[in-house]
């Protein structure tokens, strides 16, 4: 059930659009390129051979990669398409 000026299903469409935007952003992220390193570029710990085979071009150990991935990244946040507030000027 929609409230105010929104049509039925508008909230679901907005959520789906936000998810699709994030998936598209993740798909455009490039992975590692080139030759895999034997030791981490940040902490110099050895990178296991299984990791080097699984991810060609890997440069970081698992701990450093997890730390980098968990670092704060500012994003656009909420997709406001279809929201009456986004149309106010």
N, C-alpha and C. Protein backbone atom coordinates (compact mmCIF):
# COMPACT_ATOMS: atom_id res chain seq x y z
N UNK A 1 0.84 -1.18 0.00
CA UNK A 1 0.00 0.00 0.00
C UNK A 1 0.88 1.24 0.00
N UNK A 2 0.63 2.12 -0.90
CA UNK A 2 1.40 3.35 -1.00
C UNK A 2 0.73 4.45 -0.19
N UNK A 3 1.53 5.36 0.29
CA UNK A 3 0.99 6.49 1.04
C UNK A 3 1.31 7.79 0.36
N UNK A 4 0.53 8.79 0.57
CA UNK A 4 0.80 10.10 -0.02
C UNK A 4 0.65 10.06 -1.54
N UNK A 5 1.65 10.61 -2.24
CA UNK A 5 1.60 10.71 -3.69
C UNK A 5 2.22 9.50 -4.38
N UNK A 6 2.80 8.60 -3.61
CA UNK A 6 3.49 7.45 -4.21
C UNK A 6 2.48 6.42 -4.72
N UNK A 7 2.82 5.77 -5.82
CA UNK A 7 1.94 4.73 -6.35
C UNK A 7 2.28 3.41 -5.66
N UNK A 8 1.40 2.43 -5.81
CA UNK A 8 1.63 1.12 -5.22
C UNK A 8 2.91 0.51 -5.78
N UNK A 9 3.74 -0.03 -4.92
CA UNK A 9 4.98 -0.67 -5.35
C UNK A 9 6.15 0.26 -5.52
N UNK A 10 5.97 1.55 -5.23
CA UNK A 10 7.04 2.52 -5.43
C UNK A 10 8.23 2.24 -4.52
N UNK A 11 7.96 1.84 -3.29
CA UNK A 11 9.05 1.57 -2.34
C UNK A 11 9.86 0.37 -2.81
N UNK A 12 9.17 -0.68 -3.24
CA UNK A 12 9.86 -1.87 -3.75
C UNK A 12 10.70 -1.54 -4.97
N UNK A 13 10.16 -0.72 -5.86
CA UNK A 13 10.92 -0.32 -7.04
C UNK A 13 12.16 0.47 -6.66
N UNK A 14 12.03 1.32 -5.67
CA UNK A 14 13.17 2.13 -5.23
C UNK A 14 14.25 1.23 -4.62
N UNK A 15 13.85 0.24 -3.82
CA UNK A 15 14.80 -0.70 -3.23
C UNK A 15 15.49 -1.50 -4.32
N UNK A 16 14.72 -2.01 -5.27
CA UNK A 16 15.30 -2.79 -6.37
C UNK A 16 16.26 -1.95 -7.20
N UNK A 17 15.92 -0.69 -7.44
CA UNK A 17 16.81 0.19 -8.20
C UNK A 17 18.12 0.42 -7.45
N UNK A 18 18.05 0.57 -6.13
CA UNK A 18 19.26 0.76 -5.33
C UNK A 18 20.14 -0.49 -5.40
N UNK A 19 19.53 -1.65 -5.31
CA UNK A 19 20.28 -2.91 -5.39
C UNK A 19 20.91 -3.06 -6.76
N UNK A 20 20.16 -2.78 -7.81
CA UNK A 20 20.69 -2.89 -9.16
C UNK A 20 21.84 -1.91 -9.41
N UNK A 21 21.74 -0.71 -8.87
CA UNK A 21 22.84 0.26 -9.00
C UNK A 21 24.10 -0.24 -8.31
N UNK A 22 23.97 -0.81 -7.13
CA UNK A 22 25.12 -1.32 -6.40
C UNK A 22 25.73 -2.53 -7.11
N UNK A 23 24.90 -3.42 -7.63
CA UNK A 23 25.41 -4.56 -8.39
C UNK A 23 26.16 -4.10 -9.63
N UNK A 24 25.64 -3.11 -10.32
CA UNK A 24 26.33 -2.58 -11.50
C UNK A 24 27.68 -1.98 -11.11
N UNK A 25 27.73 -1.29 -9.97
CA UNK A 25 28.98 -0.71 -9.50
C UNK A 25 30.00 -1.80 -9.20
N UNK A 26 29.56 -2.88 -8.56
CA UNK A 26 30.46 -3.97 -8.22
C UNK A 26 30.97 -4.69 -9.47
N UNK A 27 30.11 -4.82 -10.48
CA UNK A 27 30.52 -5.50 -11.71
C UNK A 27 31.58 -4.71 -12.47
N UNK A 28 31.59 -3.39 -12.33
CA UNK A 28 32.57 -2.57 -13.04
C UNK A 28 33.91 -2.52 -12.32
N UNK A 29 33.95 -2.97 -11.08
CA UNK A 29 35.22 -3.01 -10.34
C UNK A 29 36.18 -3.97 -11.00
N UNK A 30 37.36 -3.52 -11.22
CA UNK A 30 38.36 -4.37 -11.85
C UNK A 30 39.10 -5.16 -10.79
N UNK A 31 39.43 -6.39 -11.13
CA UNK A 31 40.20 -7.24 -10.24
C UNK A 31 41.69 -7.02 -10.42
N UNK A 32 42.49 -7.77 -9.70
CA UNK A 32 43.94 -7.63 -9.83
C UNK A 32 44.41 -8.00 -11.23
N UNK A 33 45.48 -7.37 -11.66
CA UNK A 33 46.04 -7.64 -12.99
C UNK A 33 47.53 -7.92 -12.85
N UNK A 34 48.09 -8.59 -13.83
CA UNK A 34 49.52 -8.85 -13.85
C UNK A 34 49.89 -10.10 -13.08
N UNK A 35 51.14 -10.17 -12.71
CA UNK A 35 51.69 -11.33 -12.01
C UNK A 35 51.37 -11.26 -10.52
N UNK A 36 51.04 -12.40 -9.93
CA UNK A 36 50.80 -12.46 -8.49
C UNK A 36 52.11 -12.28 -7.73
N UNK A 37 52.02 -11.63 -6.61
CA UNK A 37 53.20 -11.46 -5.75
C UNK A 37 53.31 -12.65 -4.82
N UNK A 38 54.51 -12.98 -4.41
CA UNK A 38 54.71 -14.08 -3.46
C UNK A 38 54.55 -13.59 -2.03
N UNK A 39 54.75 -12.28 -1.82
CA UNK A 39 54.61 -11.68 -0.49
C UNK A 39 53.69 -10.45 -0.60
N UNK A 40 52.96 -10.19 0.46
CA UNK A 40 51.99 -9.09 0.50
C UNK A 40 52.68 -7.75 0.25
N UNK A 41 52.04 -6.89 -0.53
CA UNK A 41 52.58 -5.57 -0.85
C UNK A 41 52.55 -4.63 0.35
N UNK A 42 51.72 -4.93 1.35
CA UNK A 42 51.61 -4.04 2.51
C UNK A 42 52.36 -4.54 3.74
N UNK A 43 52.22 -5.83 4.06
CA UNK A 43 52.82 -6.33 5.31
C UNK A 43 53.98 -7.30 5.09
N UNK A 44 54.26 -7.65 3.83
CA UNK A 44 55.35 -8.55 3.46
C UNK A 44 55.19 -9.99 3.96
N UNK A 45 53.98 -10.36 4.42
CA UNK A 45 53.71 -11.75 4.79
C UNK A 45 53.61 -12.58 3.52
N UNK A 46 54.01 -13.85 3.56
CA UNK A 46 53.88 -14.69 2.36
C UNK A 46 52.41 -14.88 1.97
N UNK A 47 52.15 -14.85 0.67
CA UNK A 47 50.80 -15.12 0.16
C UNK A 47 50.77 -16.60 -0.22
N UNK A 48 49.85 -17.39 0.36
CA UNK A 48 49.80 -18.82 0.06
C UNK A 48 49.62 -19.09 -1.44
N UNK A 49 50.23 -20.18 -1.89
CA UNK A 49 50.17 -20.54 -3.31
C UNK A 49 48.73 -20.76 -3.77
N UNK A 50 47.89 -21.32 -2.91
CA UNK A 50 46.49 -21.55 -3.27
C UNK A 50 45.79 -20.23 -3.57
N UNK A 51 46.09 -19.19 -2.80
CA UNK A 51 45.48 -17.87 -3.05
C UNK A 51 46.00 -17.29 -4.37
N UNK A 52 47.29 -17.45 -4.63
CA UNK A 52 47.85 -16.92 -5.87
C UNK A 52 47.25 -17.62 -7.09
N UNK A 53 46.95 -18.91 -6.97
CA UNK A 53 46.34 -19.64 -8.08
C UNK A 53 44.86 -19.27 -8.24
N UNK A 54 44.16 -19.06 -7.11
CA UNK A 54 42.73 -18.76 -7.15
C UNK A 54 42.47 -17.35 -7.70
N UNK A 55 43.36 -16.41 -7.39
CA UNK A 55 43.18 -15.02 -7.81
C UNK A 55 44.44 -14.57 -8.54
N UNK A 56 44.50 -14.78 -9.86
CA UNK A 56 45.68 -14.34 -10.61
C UNK A 56 45.90 -12.83 -10.47
N UNK A 57 47.13 -12.44 -10.20
CA UNK A 57 47.45 -11.02 -10.05
C UNK A 57 47.28 -10.50 -8.65
N UNK A 58 47.08 -11.38 -7.67
CA UNK A 58 46.85 -10.95 -6.29
C UNK A 58 48.10 -10.26 -5.74
N UNK A 59 47.90 -9.18 -5.00
CA UNK A 59 49.01 -8.39 -4.46
C UNK A 59 49.00 -8.34 -2.93
N UNK A 60 47.84 -8.67 -2.31
CA UNK A 60 47.71 -8.55 -0.85
C UNK A 60 47.36 -9.89 -0.21
N UNK A 61 47.79 -10.06 1.03
CA UNK A 61 47.39 -11.25 1.79
C UNK A 61 45.93 -11.10 2.20
N UNK A 62 45.36 -12.15 2.73
CA UNK A 62 43.94 -12.14 3.10
C UNK A 62 43.64 -11.08 4.16
N UNK A 63 44.51 -10.98 5.19
CA UNK A 63 44.26 -10.02 6.27
C UNK A 63 44.27 -8.58 5.76
N UNK A 64 45.25 -8.24 4.93
CA UNK A 64 45.32 -6.87 4.40
C UNK A 64 44.16 -6.59 3.45
N UNK A 65 43.75 -7.59 2.68
CA UNK A 65 42.63 -7.40 1.76
C UNK A 65 41.33 -7.18 2.53
N UNK A 66 41.13 -7.95 3.61
CA UNK A 66 39.93 -7.77 4.42
C UNK A 66 39.91 -6.40 5.07
N UNK A 67 41.07 -5.94 5.53
CA UNK A 67 41.16 -4.62 6.15
C UNK A 67 40.83 -3.52 5.13
N UNK A 68 41.34 -3.67 3.93
CA UNK A 68 41.07 -2.69 2.88
C UNK A 68 39.59 -2.70 2.48
N UNK A 69 39.01 -3.90 2.37
CA UNK A 69 37.60 -4.00 1.99
C UNK A 69 36.67 -3.43 3.04
N UNK A 70 37.06 -3.53 4.32
CA UNK A 70 36.17 -3.05 5.38
C UNK A 70 36.34 -1.56 5.64
N UNK A 71 37.32 -0.93 5.02
CA UNK A 71 37.52 0.51 5.20
C UNK A 71 36.30 1.27 4.67
N UNK A 72 36.00 2.39 5.29
CA UNK A 72 34.84 3.18 4.91
C UNK A 72 34.99 3.70 3.48
N UNK A 73 33.93 3.52 2.69
CA UNK A 73 33.90 4.06 1.34
C UNK A 73 32.62 4.85 1.18
N UNK A 74 32.76 6.14 0.90
CA UNK A 74 31.58 6.98 0.73
C UNK A 74 30.87 6.59 -0.56
N UNK A 75 29.58 6.41 -0.47
CA UNK A 75 28.76 6.07 -1.65
C UNK A 75 27.57 7.00 -1.70
N UNK A 76 26.90 6.94 -2.81
CA UNK A 76 25.72 7.79 -2.99
C UNK A 76 24.64 7.45 -1.98
N UNK A 77 24.54 6.19 -1.58
CA UNK A 77 23.57 5.81 -0.57
C UNK A 77 22.24 5.44 -1.16
N UNK A 78 21.21 6.16 -0.79
CA UNK A 78 19.86 5.81 -1.17
C UNK A 78 19.56 6.28 -2.59
N UNK A 79 18.96 5.41 -3.35
CA UNK A 79 18.51 5.76 -4.68
C UNK A 79 17.14 6.42 -4.52
N UNK A 80 17.04 7.66 -4.88
CA UNK A 80 15.80 8.40 -4.63
C UNK A 80 14.94 8.54 -5.88
N UNK A 81 15.20 7.71 -6.89
CA UNK A 81 14.36 7.78 -8.08
C UNK A 81 12.90 7.50 -7.70
N UNK A 82 12.03 8.24 -8.21
CA UNK A 82 10.61 8.02 -7.96
C UNK A 82 10.11 8.65 -6.67
N UNK A 83 10.99 9.24 -5.90
CA UNK A 83 10.59 9.88 -4.66
C UNK A 83 10.18 11.32 -4.95
N UNK A 84 9.04 11.73 -4.39
CA UNK A 84 8.59 13.09 -4.64
C UNK A 84 9.57 14.11 -4.09
N UNK A 85 10.34 13.76 -3.04
CA UNK A 85 11.33 14.69 -2.48
C UNK A 85 12.45 14.95 -3.47
N UNK A 86 12.80 13.95 -4.31
CA UNK A 86 13.88 14.14 -5.26
C UNK A 86 13.48 15.07 -6.39
N UNK A 87 12.21 15.33 -6.53
CA UNK A 87 11.74 16.18 -7.61
C UNK A 87 11.53 17.64 -7.17
N UNK A 88 11.70 17.88 -5.88
CA UNK A 88 11.56 19.25 -5.37
C UNK A 88 12.81 20.03 -5.70
N UNK A 89 12.67 21.26 -6.09
CA UNK A 89 13.85 22.07 -6.42
C UNK A 89 13.84 23.33 -5.62
